[in-house]
Protein backbone atom coordinates (compact mmCIF):
# COMPACT_ATOMS: atom_id res chain seq x y z
CA MET A 1 -13.66 79.94 87.95
CA SER A 2 -11.68 82.93 89.01
CA GLY A 3 -8.36 81.85 87.41
CA SER A 4 -6.82 80.11 84.19
CA ASN A 5 -4.46 77.12 83.69
CA ASP A 6 -3.40 78.76 80.59
CA PRO A 7 0.31 79.71 80.94
CA GLU A 8 0.21 82.44 78.35
CA VAL A 9 -3.24 84.06 79.61
CA GLN A 10 -2.95 86.75 82.29
CA PRO A 11 -6.24 87.76 84.21
CA SER A 12 -7.21 91.19 83.11
CA ARG A 13 -8.01 94.03 85.06
CA ARG A 14 -11.36 94.41 87.16
CA GLY A 15 -13.73 95.15 84.62
CA ASP A 16 -11.93 94.25 81.58
CA PRO A 17 -12.87 90.71 80.81
CA THR A 18 -10.37 90.20 77.67
CA PRO A 19 -7.39 87.93 78.56
CA ARG A 20 -3.95 89.25 77.66
CA PRO A 21 -0.74 87.33 76.52
CA ARG A 22 2.09 87.32 79.27
CA ARG A 23 5.26 89.28 78.26
CA ARG A 24 8.35 86.87 77.39
CA GLN A 25 11.24 87.32 79.96
CA ALA A 26 14.06 86.00 77.60
CA PRO A 27 15.51 89.46 76.29
CA LEU A 28 15.46 90.59 80.01
CA ARG A 29 17.39 87.36 81.28
CA ASP A 30 19.86 87.80 78.30
CA SER A 31 20.43 91.48 79.15
CA PHE A 32 20.80 90.16 82.99
CA GLU A 33 23.35 87.78 81.92
CA ARG A 34 25.37 89.91 80.02
CA GLU A 35 25.52 92.30 82.82
CA LYS A 36 26.21 89.91 85.12
CA ALA A 37 29.16 88.36 82.81
CA GLN A 38 30.61 91.87 82.41
CA LYS A 39 30.52 92.40 86.12
CA GLU A 40 32.34 89.37 86.75
CA ARG A 41 35.10 90.36 83.91
CA LEU A 42 35.46 93.50 85.44
CA SER A 43 35.70 92.19 88.90
CA ALA A 44 38.06 89.63 87.44
CA LEU A 45 40.30 92.58 85.92
CA LEU A 46 40.36 94.71 89.18
CA THR A 47 41.54 91.28 90.93
CA VAL A 48 44.19 91.03 88.26
CA SER A 49 45.28 94.72 88.53
CA GLN A 50 45.73 94.26 92.27
CA ALA A 51 47.77 90.83 91.69
CA MET A 52 49.96 92.75 89.19
CA VAL A 53 50.68 96.00 91.37
CA SER A 54 51.22 93.74 94.69
CA SER A 55 54.61 92.89 93.26
CA LEU A 56 57.47 94.77 91.91
CA ASP A 57 59.44 91.81 90.60
CA LEU A 58 59.28 91.51 87.04
CA ASP A 59 59.34 87.53 86.93
CA THR A 60 56.54 87.46 89.05
CA ILE A 61 54.37 89.96 87.45
CA LEU A 62 54.87 88.37 83.87
CA ASP A 63 53.78 85.14 85.42
CA THR A 64 50.56 86.77 86.98
CA ILE A 65 49.92 88.30 83.65
CA ALA A 66 49.80 84.93 81.79
CA ARG A 67 47.92 82.93 84.17
CA GLN A 68 45.42 85.70 85.02
CA VAL A 69 44.74 86.64 81.80
CA ARG A 70 43.93 83.17 80.69
CA LYS A 71 41.44 82.69 83.48
CA VAL A 72 39.75 86.06 82.80
CA ILE A 73 39.14 85.62 78.90
CA GLN A 74 38.99 82.01 79.36
CA VAL A 75 41.64 80.77 76.71
CA ASP A 76 43.59 77.92 76.50
CA GLU A 77 46.91 79.44 75.88
CA CYS A 78 48.56 82.75 76.96
CA THR A 79 52.15 83.88 76.08
CA VAL A 80 53.65 87.09 76.99
CA PHE A 81 56.20 88.27 74.40
CA LEU A 82 58.64 91.22 75.52
CA LEU A 83 60.96 93.25 72.88
CA ASP A 84 65.17 92.78 73.36
CA GLY A 85 67.30 95.10 74.12
CA GLY A 86 67.73 95.89 70.44
CA GLY A 87 63.71 96.28 69.88
CA GLY A 88 64.02 93.71 66.84
CA ILE A 89 62.91 90.49 68.40
CA LEU A 90 60.35 89.21 70.58
CA ILE A 91 61.05 86.76 73.11
CA PRO A 92 58.49 84.74 74.99
CA ALA A 93 58.88 86.06 79.06
CA ALA A 94 56.11 84.11 80.49
CA CYS A 95 53.46 81.75 79.10
CA ASP A 96 50.57 79.53 80.62
CA VAL A 97 49.80 76.89 78.24
CA GLN A 98 48.22 73.31 78.36
CA SER A 99 51.12 71.63 76.91
CA TYR A 100 54.42 72.00 74.90
CA ARG A 101 55.97 74.69 77.21
CA GLU A 102 59.43 74.31 76.29
CA GLU A 103 58.61 74.88 72.42
CA VAL A 104 56.64 77.94 73.29
CA MET A 105 59.26 79.52 75.06
CA ALA A 106 61.94 78.74 72.33
CA VAL A 107 60.02 80.70 70.02
CA ARG A 108 61.84 84.15 68.55
CA LEU A 109 60.20 86.17 66.26
CA ARG A 110 61.26 89.18 64.34
CA VAL A 111 59.10 92.49 64.67
CA GLY A 112 56.64 92.04 61.58
CA ASP A 113 56.74 88.02 61.44
CA GLY A 114 53.59 86.33 62.34
CA ILE A 115 50.46 87.60 63.58
CA THR A 116 52.12 88.53 67.01
CA GLY A 117 54.96 90.31 65.14
CA ALA A 118 52.38 92.14 63.32
CA VAL A 119 50.82 93.50 66.15
CA ALA A 120 53.89 94.62 67.52
CA LYS A 121 54.65 96.38 64.42
CA THR A 122 51.38 98.06 64.11
CA GLY A 123 50.53 98.88 67.86
CA ARG A 124 47.07 97.60 67.34
CA GLY A 125 45.19 94.59 68.90
CA GLU A 126 43.99 92.05 66.40
CA VAL A 127 41.50 89.10 66.27
CA VAL A 128 42.36 86.08 63.96
CA ASN A 129 39.68 83.31 64.49
CA SER A 130 40.79 81.28 61.70
CA ALA A 131 44.75 81.52 62.22
CA GLN A 132 45.67 78.53 60.11
CA THR A 133 44.27 80.21 57.10
CA ASP A 134 46.21 83.34 57.80
CA PRO A 135 49.20 83.63 55.73
CA ARG A 136 50.93 85.59 58.10
CA ALA A 137 50.55 82.49 60.72
CA VAL A 138 53.65 81.03 61.77
CA GLU A 139 54.26 77.71 63.20
CA VAL A 140 55.63 77.02 66.72
CA PRO A 141 58.56 74.30 65.68
CA GLY A 142 57.84 70.92 67.72
CA THR A 143 54.04 71.37 68.03
CA PRO A 144 51.06 69.86 65.68
CA GLU A 145 49.05 71.68 63.57
CA GLU A 146 45.86 72.54 65.17
CA GLU A 147 42.56 74.83 64.41
CA SER A 148 43.10 77.79 66.61
CA SER A 149 41.93 81.51 67.14
CA LEU A 150 44.41 83.98 68.00
CA LEU A 151 43.92 87.48 69.92
CA CYS A 152 46.75 89.58 70.42
CA VAL A 153 47.41 92.98 71.87
CA PRO A 154 50.33 95.27 72.35
CA LEU A 155 51.86 96.17 75.63
CA PHE A 156 53.18 99.79 75.71
CA ALA A 157 55.54 101.80 77.38
CA ARG A 158 55.99 105.50 77.06
CA GLU A 159 54.09 105.10 73.87
CA MET A 160 56.59 102.72 72.26
CA VAL A 161 55.46 99.00 72.00
CA ILE A 162 57.41 96.64 74.35
CA GLY A 163 55.84 93.58 73.87
CA VAL A 164 52.54 91.68 72.99
CA VAL A 165 50.14 89.36 74.76
CA THR A 166 48.98 86.58 72.70
CA LEU A 167 45.79 84.42 73.66
CA VAL A 168 44.64 81.02 71.90
CA ARG A 169 41.70 79.20 71.60
CA ILE A 170 42.26 75.63 70.22
CA GLY A 171 39.78 72.97 68.58
CA LEU A 172 36.91 72.50 66.25
CA GLU A 173 34.59 73.46 68.77
CA ARG A 174 36.17 76.46 70.38
CA ARG A 175 34.48 79.61 70.91
CA PHE A 176 35.70 82.68 68.83
CA PHE A 177 37.08 85.74 70.26
CA VAL A 178 34.64 88.49 69.90
CA ASP A 179 34.68 92.20 70.34
CA GLU A 180 34.41 92.26 73.82
CA ASP A 181 37.18 89.93 74.20
CA LEU A 182 39.28 92.24 72.37
CA GLU A 183 38.29 95.16 74.59
CA MET A 184 38.88 93.25 77.75
CA ALA A 185 42.34 92.04 76.43
CA THR A 186 43.10 95.84 75.68
CA LEU A 187 42.20 96.97 79.20
CA PHE A 188 44.28 94.06 80.60
CA ALA A 189 47.26 94.90 78.60
CA ALA A 190 47.27 98.52 79.73
CA GLN A 191 47.19 97.41 83.22
CA ALA A 192 49.89 94.74 82.53
CA SER A 193 52.04 97.60 80.51
CA ALA A 194 52.17 99.81 83.60
CA ALA A 195 52.99 97.12 86.06
CA ILE A 196 55.94 96.10 83.61
CA ALA A 197 56.85 99.71 83.23
CA ASN A 198 57.00 99.87 87.34
CA ALA A 199 58.67 96.54 87.86
CA ARG A 200 61.39 97.63 85.19
CA MET A 201 61.99 100.85 86.77
CA TYR A 202 62.34 99.26 90.34
CA GLU A 203 64.80 96.79 88.94
CA GLN A 204 66.92 99.78 87.61
CA THR A 205 66.42 101.79 90.59
CA LYS A 206 67.37 98.44 92.88
CA LEU A 207 70.38 98.12 90.34
CA ALA A 208 71.84 101.10 90.79
CA TYR A 209 71.51 101.35 94.49
CA ASP A 210 73.16 97.63 94.85
CA GLU A 211 76.23 99.50 92.84
CA LEU A 212 76.01 102.49 94.72
CA ARG A 213 75.98 100.55 97.98
CA ALA A 214 78.75 97.95 96.54
CA THR A 215 81.02 101.25 95.83
CA GLN A 216 80.28 102.72 99.46
CA ASN A 217 81.27 99.46 100.79
CA GLN A 218 84.69 99.52 98.73
CA LEU A 219 85.23 103.05 100.05
CA VAL A 220 84.64 102.71 103.38
CA GLN A 221 86.77 99.44 103.15
CA SER A 222 89.36 101.52 101.48
CA ALA A 223 89.37 104.11 103.78
CA LYS A 224 89.88 101.75 106.91
CA LEU A 225 92.67 100.04 104.92
CA ASN A 226 94.08 103.34 104.23
CA ALA A 227 93.95 104.75 107.82
CA LEU A 228 95.64 101.60 108.99
CA GLY A 229 98.10 102.25 106.00
CA GLU A 230 98.97 105.69 107.15
CA MET A 231 99.95 104.22 110.68
CA ALA A 232 101.78 101.46 109.31
CA GLY A 233 103.73 103.76 106.87
CA GLY A 234 105.07 105.25 110.03
CA VAL A 235 105.65 102.19 111.75
CA ALA A 236 107.33 100.70 108.52
CA HIS A 237 109.51 104.05 108.27
CA ASP A 238 111.06 103.26 112.00
CA PHE A 239 111.25 99.71 111.96
CA ASN A 240 113.06 99.82 108.59
CA ASN A 241 115.67 102.31 109.91
CA ILE A 242 116.49 100.14 112.68
CA LEU A 243 116.36 96.92 110.27
CA ALA A 244 119.06 98.71 108.06
CA ALA A 245 121.48 99.47 110.76
CA ILE A 246 121.15 96.03 111.80
CA LEU A 247 120.95 94.13 108.33
CA GLY A 248 123.98 96.68 107.26
CA ARG A 249 126.35 95.73 110.08
CA THR A 250 125.55 91.99 109.86
CA GLN A 251 126.49 91.85 106.33
CA LEU A 252 129.65 93.92 106.80
CA LEU A 253 130.95 91.66 109.69
CA LEU A 254 130.10 88.55 107.75
CA ARG A 255 132.53 89.72 105.01
CA SER A 256 135.37 90.32 107.91
CA VAL A 257 134.91 87.18 110.16
CA ASP A 258 136.43 83.98 109.79
CA ASP A 259 135.43 81.97 112.79
CA ALA A 260 132.55 79.76 111.87
CA GLU A 261 130.96 80.03 115.20
CA VAL A 262 130.73 83.73 114.95
CA ARG A 263 129.56 83.63 111.35
CA ARG A 264 126.69 81.19 112.11
CA GLN A 265 125.39 83.66 114.73
CA LEU A 266 125.81 86.47 112.35
CA VAL A 267 123.98 84.57 109.67
CA VAL A 268 121.18 84.02 112.42
CA ILE A 269 120.96 87.85 113.26
CA GLU A 270 121.25 88.62 109.23
CA GLN A 271 118.05 85.94 108.73
CA ALA A 272 115.98 87.56 111.55
CA ALA A 273 116.74 91.19 110.07
CA LEU A 274 115.26 89.78 106.73
CA ASP A 275 112.45 88.32 108.38
CA GLY A 276 111.72 91.51 110.05
CA ALA A 277 111.72 93.40 106.57
CA SER A 278 109.35 90.63 105.38
CA THR A 279 106.99 91.49 108.32
CA VAL A 280 106.90 95.03 107.51
CA ARG A 281 105.98 94.40 103.90
CA ARG A 282 103.19 92.25 105.06
CA VAL A 283 101.66 95.23 106.97
CA GLN A 284 102.22 97.23 104.09
CA GLU A 285 99.92 94.63 102.19
CA PHE A 286 96.82 95.46 103.87
CA THR A 287 96.42 98.51 101.74
CA ARG A 288 97.69 99.62 98.20
CA LEU A 289 100.48 101.12 99.80
CA ARG A 290 103.39 99.02 97.99
CA GLN A 291 104.05 100.10 94.35
CA ASP A 292 106.92 97.64 93.83
CA GLU A 293 105.48 94.59 92.27
CA HIS A 294 106.66 93.50 89.13
CA PHE A 295 103.89 92.28 87.20
CA GLU A 296 103.69 89.83 84.24
CA PRO A 297 101.01 88.48 82.25
CA ILE A 298 99.26 85.91 84.09
CA ASP A 299 97.20 82.83 83.20
CA LEU A 300 94.54 82.89 86.13
CA GLY A 301 93.19 79.57 85.13
CA GLN A 302 96.52 78.01 85.70
CA VAL A 303 96.99 79.87 89.03
CA LEU A 304 93.59 78.47 90.23
CA ARG A 305 94.56 74.87 88.86
CA ASP A 306 97.60 75.09 90.86
CA VAL A 307 95.61 76.17 94.09
CA ILE A 308 93.16 73.39 93.58
CA GLU A 309 95.85 70.87 93.41
CA PHE A 310 97.79 72.34 96.37
CA THR A 311 94.74 72.02 98.66
CA ARG A 312 93.93 68.87 97.35
CA PRO A 313 94.96 67.19 100.85
CA ALA A 314 92.88 69.73 102.77
CA TRP A 315 89.65 69.30 100.77
CA MET A 316 89.96 65.48 100.07
CA THR A 317 92.38 63.65 102.46
CA ASN A 318 91.88 65.63 105.75
CA ALA A 319 87.95 65.76 104.96
CA LYS A 320 87.64 62.13 104.48
CA LYS A 321 89.62 61.61 107.87
CA HIS A 322 86.80 63.42 109.47
CA GLY A 323 83.78 61.31 108.04
CA VAL A 324 82.95 64.36 105.37
CA ASN A 325 82.70 64.53 101.94
CA VAL A 326 83.91 67.91 100.22
CA GLU A 327 83.43 68.17 96.36
CA VAL A 328 85.42 70.74 94.32
CA ARG A 329 83.99 71.92 90.98
CA GLN A 330 86.09 73.87 88.41
CA PHE A 331 84.75 75.73 85.28
CA LEU A 332 87.90 77.59 84.29
CA GLU A 333 86.87 79.27 80.83
CA ALA A 334 88.65 82.50 81.13
CA ARG A 335 91.35 82.68 78.31
CA GLN A 336 92.36 86.34 78.83
CA ARG A 337 95.65 87.09 80.76
CA ILE A 338 96.15 89.58 83.52
CA ALA A 339 99.05 91.47 84.62
CA GLY A 340 100.02 90.13 88.23
CA ASN A 341 102.22 88.72 90.34
CA ALA A 342 101.28 84.84 90.19
CA SER A 343 102.56 83.92 93.69
CA GLU A 344 100.59 86.50 95.30
CA LEU A 345 97.48 85.40 93.49
CA ARG A 346 97.97 82.03 94.55
CA GLU A 347 97.99 83.16 98.21
CA VAL A 348 94.75 85.00 97.74
CA PHE A 349 92.76 82.02 96.37
CA THR A 350 94.47 79.63 98.48
CA ASN A 351 93.21 81.53 101.28
CA LEU A 352 89.75 81.57 99.92
CA VAL A 353 89.78 78.10 99.28
CA LEU A 354 90.90 77.30 102.91
CA ASN A 355 88.43 79.34 104.30
CA ALA A 356 85.54 77.69 102.23
CA LEU A 357 86.55 74.38 103.61
CA ASP A 358 86.50 75.97 107.30
CA ALA A 359 82.74 77.11 106.51
CA MET A 360 81.88 73.42 105.35
CA PRO A 361 82.48 71.46 108.60
CA ASP A 362 79.90 68.88 107.49
CA GLY A 363 81.11 68.71 103.89
CA GLY A 364 79.45 70.29 100.88
CA LEU A 365 80.55 71.79 97.47
CA MET A 366 82.85 74.28 96.45
CA LEU A 367 82.60 75.79 92.95
CA ILE A 368 85.27 77.59 91.25
CA THR A 369 84.65 79.46 87.90
CA SER A 370 86.47 81.88 85.67
CA GLN A 371 85.39 83.65 82.59
CA ASP A 372 85.98 86.40 80.37
CA ILE A 373 83.50 89.42 80.47
CA GLY A 374 84.41 91.91 78.14
CA GLU A 375 87.93 93.01 78.93
CA ALA A 376 88.12 91.88 82.35
CA VAL A 377 88.39 88.31 83.84
CA VAL A 378 85.83 87.53 86.53
CA VAL A 379 86.33 84.79 89.19
CA HIS A 380 83.88 83.11 91.43
CA VAL A 381 84.50 81.12 94.51
CA ARG A 382 81.29 79.60 96.00
CA ASP A 383 80.63 77.43 99.15
CA THR A 384 77.52 75.54 100.59
CA GLY A 385 78.91 76.17 104.14
CA VAL A 386 77.26 77.94 106.98
CA GLY A 387 77.54 81.73 105.25
CA MET A 388 77.62 84.91 107.27
CA ASP A 389 75.27 87.35 108.59
CA ALA A 390 75.46 91.05 107.35
CA GLU A 391 77.57 92.19 110.32
CA THR A 392 80.25 89.54 109.41
CA GLN A 393 79.95 90.49 105.59
CA ALA A 394 80.84 93.93 106.54
CA ARG A 395 83.96 93.40 108.62
CA VAL A 396 85.13 90.40 106.69
CA PHE A 397 87.89 92.30 105.24
CA ASP A 398 88.91 94.21 108.43
CA PRO A 399 92.55 93.53 109.42
CA PHE A 400 92.58 91.18 112.64
CA PHE A 401 88.72 90.14 112.27
CA THR A 402 88.04 86.66 112.50
CA THR A 403 85.39 84.24 113.32
CA LYS A 404 87.76 81.30 114.02
CA PRO A 405 88.15 81.50 117.87
CA VAL A 406 91.40 79.28 118.00
CA LYS A 407 93.39 79.28 114.65
CA GLY A 408 92.02 82.68 112.89
CA THR A 409 94.59 85.57 112.68
CA GLY A 410 92.31 87.96 110.98
CA LEU A 411 94.57 88.65 108.68
CA GLY A 412 94.10 86.07 105.63
CA LEU A 413 91.40 88.37 103.98
CA SER A 414 92.87 91.42 104.65
CA VAL A 415 96.12 90.79 102.99
CA ALA A 416 94.12 89.06 99.95
CA TYR A 417 91.88 92.62 99.48
CA GLY A 418 95.33 94.41 99.57
CA ILE A 419 96.71 92.19 96.88
CA VAL A 420 93.59 92.14 94.69
CA THR A 421 93.60 96.13 95.09
CA ARG A 422 97.31 96.24 94.20
CA HIS A 423 96.45 94.39 91.12
CA ARG A 424 94.23 96.93 90.17
CA GLY A 425 91.02 94.36 90.88
CA THR A 426 88.07 94.08 93.05
CA ILE A 427 86.73 91.66 95.43
CA LEU A 428 83.29 91.13 96.70
CA VAL A 429 81.33 88.78 99.05
CA GLU A 430 78.04 87.82 98.97
CA SER A 431 76.48 85.29 101.87
CA GLN A 432 73.58 84.55 103.51
CA PRO A 433 73.67 82.39 107.03
CA GLY A 434 72.75 78.90 106.35
CA LEU A 435 73.20 79.17 102.23
CA GLY A 436 76.97 79.63 101.83
CA THR A 437 79.37 82.29 100.78
CA GLU A 438 80.31 83.42 97.35
CA PHE A 439 83.22 85.60 96.41
CA VAL A 440 83.84 87.45 93.25
CA LEU A 441 86.91 88.71 92.04
CA ARG A 442 87.42 90.99 88.81
CA PHE A 443 90.73 91.74 87.21
CA SER A 444 91.24 93.76 84.06
CA ALA A 445 92.85 91.82 81.29
CA CYS A 446 96.04 92.63 79.63
CA SER A 447 97.40 91.60 76.38
CA GLU A 448 99.92 88.95 75.70
CA GLU A 449 102.75 91.18 74.72
CA GLN A 450 102.50 93.63 77.67
CA SER A 451 105.94 93.97 79.30
CA PRO A 452 106.26 93.39 83.20
CA GLN A 453 106.29 96.58 85.13
CA GLY A 454 109.31 97.72 87.10
CA LEU A 455 112.79 97.98 85.54
CA PRO A 456 115.17 94.95 84.72
CA GLU A 457 117.66 94.31 87.65
CA THR A 458 121.00 95.47 87.12
CA PRO A 459 123.83 92.93 87.47
CA VAL A 460 126.16 93.48 90.33
CA GLU A 461 129.08 91.39 89.30
CA GLY A 462 132.58 93.10 88.55
CA ASP A 463 134.79 96.01 90.01
CA PHE A 464 132.76 99.19 90.49
CA PRO A 465 134.14 102.68 89.59
CA ARG A 466 135.25 104.80 92.02
CA LEU A 467 132.83 107.54 92.85
CA ARG A 468 132.27 110.52 95.14
CA ILE A 469 129.24 109.36 97.06
CA LEU A 470 127.37 111.87 99.76
CA ALA A 471 124.98 109.88 101.97
CA VAL A 472 122.39 111.78 104.10
CA ASP A 473 120.02 110.53 106.76
CA ASP A 474 118.26 112.15 109.92
CA GLU A 475 119.65 108.57 111.74
CA GLU A 476 123.37 108.54 112.48
CA PRO A 477 123.32 104.64 112.89
CA VAL A 478 121.92 104.36 109.44
CA VAL A 479 124.13 106.92 107.72
CA ASP A 480 127.12 105.32 109.09
CA VAL A 481 126.29 101.65 108.04
CA LEU A 482 125.42 102.96 104.71
CA ALA A 483 128.91 104.94 104.42
CA ASP A 484 130.86 101.79 105.66
CA MET A 485 129.08 99.74 102.95
CA PHE A 486 130.17 102.04 100.32
CA ARG A 487 133.62 102.25 101.54
CA SER A 488 133.85 98.41 101.42
CA ARG A 489 133.34 98.85 97.69
CA GLY A 490 136.15 101.28 97.49
CA GLN A 491 133.92 104.91 97.30
CA GLU A 492 134.90 107.77 98.47
CA VAL A 493 132.00 108.72 100.91
CA ARG A 494 130.83 111.98 103.05
CA THR A 495 128.05 111.77 105.29
CA ALA A 496 125.71 114.49 106.63
CA VAL A 497 123.04 113.95 109.45
CA GLY A 498 119.98 115.91 108.65
CA GLY A 499 118.78 117.57 105.10
CA GLU A 500 120.11 120.84 105.77
CA ALA A 501 123.45 119.43 106.77
CA GLY A 502 123.59 117.47 103.67
CA ILE A 503 122.69 120.58 101.29
CA ALA A 504 125.59 122.49 102.84
CA GLU A 505 127.97 119.21 102.51
CA PHE A 506 126.93 119.02 98.98
CA HIS A 507 128.21 122.59 98.16
CA ARG A 508 131.52 121.78 99.94
CA PHE A 509 132.10 117.99 98.61
CA HIS A 510 130.44 118.45 95.03
CA PRO A 511 129.81 114.68 95.09
CA GLN A 512 129.06 112.43 91.74
CA VAL A 513 125.85 110.91 93.54
CA VAL A 514 123.54 111.64 96.57
CA PHE A 515 121.99 109.22 98.52
CA SER A 516 119.55 110.65 100.93
CA ASP A 517 116.90 109.69 103.28
CA LEU A 518 113.10 110.56 102.53
CA GLY A 519 111.60 111.49 106.06
CA MET A 520 113.59 113.98 107.56
CA PRO A 521 112.60 116.89 109.49
CA ASP A 522 112.62 120.24 108.35
CA VAL A 523 114.45 119.57 105.13
CA ASN A 524 113.22 116.16 103.76
CA GLY A 525 114.62 113.92 100.53
CA TRP A 526 112.42 115.77 98.32
CA ASP A 527 113.72 119.11 99.24
CA VAL A 528 117.51 117.68 99.10
CA ALA A 529 116.60 116.07 95.73
CA ARG A 530 115.17 119.47 94.37
CA ARG A 531 117.98 121.72 95.72
CA VAL A 532 120.73 118.84 94.08
CA LYS A 533 119.14 119.24 90.44
CA SER A 534 119.00 122.97 90.79
CA HIS A 535 122.47 123.26 91.27
CA ALA A 536 123.85 120.06 89.27
CA PRO A 537 121.10 118.60 87.02
CA GLU A 538 123.49 116.01 85.89
CA THR A 539 124.18 114.61 89.25
CA PRO A 540 122.08 111.26 90.35
CA VAL A 541 119.94 111.20 93.12
CA VAL A 542 119.13 108.02 95.04
CA LEU A 543 116.41 108.17 97.58
CA VAL A 544 116.73 105.60 100.30
CA THR A 545 113.84 105.24 102.43
CA GLY A 546 111.68 103.18 104.41
CA TRP A 547 108.91 104.26 102.62
CA GLY A 548 110.30 102.72 99.35
CA SER A 549 107.58 100.42 98.19
CA GLN A 550 104.81 103.15 98.86
CA LEU A 551 106.42 105.39 96.16
CA GLU A 552 105.25 105.51 92.60
CA GLU A 553 108.28 105.52 89.94
CA GLY A 554 106.93 108.27 87.83
CA SER A 555 105.94 110.72 90.61
CA THR A 556 109.87 109.99 92.00
CA GLN A 557 111.27 110.92 88.64
CA ALA A 558 109.16 114.06 88.25
CA ARG A 559 110.67 115.36 91.38
CA GLY A 560 114.18 114.86 90.67
CA VAL A 561 114.87 111.58 92.30
CA ASP A 562 116.56 108.88 89.68
CA LEU A 563 116.49 105.92 91.64
CA VAL A 564 114.85 104.27 94.93
CA MET A 565 116.66 102.26 97.32
CA ALA A 566 114.45 100.64 100.08
CA LYS A 567 115.43 100.12 103.59
CA PRO A 568 116.52 97.99 105.03
CA PHE A 569 119.16 97.77 102.30
CA SER A 570 121.19 94.52 102.00
CA MET A 571 124.62 94.70 100.53
CA GLU A 572 123.13 93.34 96.94
CA ASP A 573 121.14 96.39 96.77
CA VAL A 574 124.02 98.62 97.49
CA ASP A 575 126.00 97.01 94.77
CA ARG A 576 122.91 97.25 92.59
CA ALA A 577 122.63 100.96 93.16
CA LEU A 578 126.34 101.83 92.60
CA ARG A 579 125.92 100.05 89.05
CA GLN A 580 122.94 101.94 88.13
CA VAL A 581 124.25 105.46 89.01
CA ALA A 582 127.41 104.32 87.46
CA ASP A 583 125.67 103.53 84.34
CA MET A 584 123.77 107.01 84.67
CA ILE A 585 126.90 109.12 84.96
CA ARG A 586 128.50 107.06 81.97
CA GLY A 587 125.64 107.64 79.75
CA ALA A 588 125.44 111.27 80.76
CA ARG A 589 129.16 111.58 79.68
CA GLU A 590 128.42 109.76 76.30
CA ALA A 591 125.68 112.18 75.51
CA ALA A 592 127.35 115.46 76.38
């Protein structure tokens, strides 16, 4: 026969009748399998690397690391530990486990504690195939004792350990880790470290960008409102001059008229003038122009509770009448107080609550929280309403901008912005269409003992000492009514129309006190104050101005002004000013 059925015998070459044994293929097959396995591992490593670098979100990257490394190295559990901000505690940032996930995520390890902590301390990967017999091993509270093998490799950033990847195989029939597993895990950790470093850098950059954008939005908003404020300041000055003449003349007439019907008509005029003055102040509230608030320590929690109770008919009764349900939850944890005006702050939060209700026509949830963060009190007002697009968010604090076609005036949030700014606070908005809106307000805390701002009001009862008074204004009706109000209080008065005439009259009359308008052409109130003080430093100067609420007390005193009386002034304002300047003159005499 030309062949053989013996599998161990090969035919010999021609001319060589001696049969030879066939070569065994096992070593070749083993080598092939090892190469194939290595190729698959490297392919898997490449796939994992691509998955990690495809995202810049740190949580996504950490979850990818935990999930993919478990698959590549074929382990039962994988936990990614990261060092906390102080660099002394390892905290699980992500894990992929078969069970006991909550228990694993609750673990906290000091650097050096346990096998994982030892790797964080040395910066060298380590394999422990009998973890239960290793004296360094740390049990996870709430989990059973099991036979296990551990492989731990460090994560690095700028040659510093930032965390550890811990791999676990569990059970009596588990495969032990080998050198190839450690090499693969080390390669994987290098890729993971780079991805984590990039994600953290991205987060820091994004945070810086978000802060810059928020600051830019604040500056843009402030610029808008300051521009309006400049216009409002001029309008306020002109209106206050007109209202000063009307209010002063009306109050003088009320003191001299006995006819009941005439008095009734005069009271109507007086109230109209006062309402006009209030409207002017509201215009000034668009910006931080007003500086005349008298702040006192305020419990924001109480303010918020008052607002919630005050608006209860709107979010409970009215909502139910329309067949919708609005739930309001409050978590008021702040204990620090802020310096402020309670009524103005109630106006801010009432506006935010009512706006939230308007944004939830089909009902929803409103969440109001306050908390102490460092030396600040932060308030969140969130709703689950219709939300706002980016364009609406950009304009939400603009005066006269509104999304309410019927009842909206577009003033509410502008006024709120002005009030918050005057309280040295910030107000930001975050919103998405269909996902609701959140307003975040931050105020600096103050001590309980902080004194209210501003000077206490001087009582006006009783007779006034007779003084020589010079009244200066570039509006003749205003200076005339001011002089008549002084004369009604028994004062000796001279008047001058314009700053230059006022300085000339000062040298002729030698008054004991000067009342001067601020906004006058050529020679203004600052010039008058400076010239008066240069010749008679003991003479009190009172600035009478429609911009009174825009002036800071410290700056006025530095420029020679002792007191500011805002237009439009009432008889009570005149009486108070007379009492204060009389006290100044008496104090100067006693000091001399």
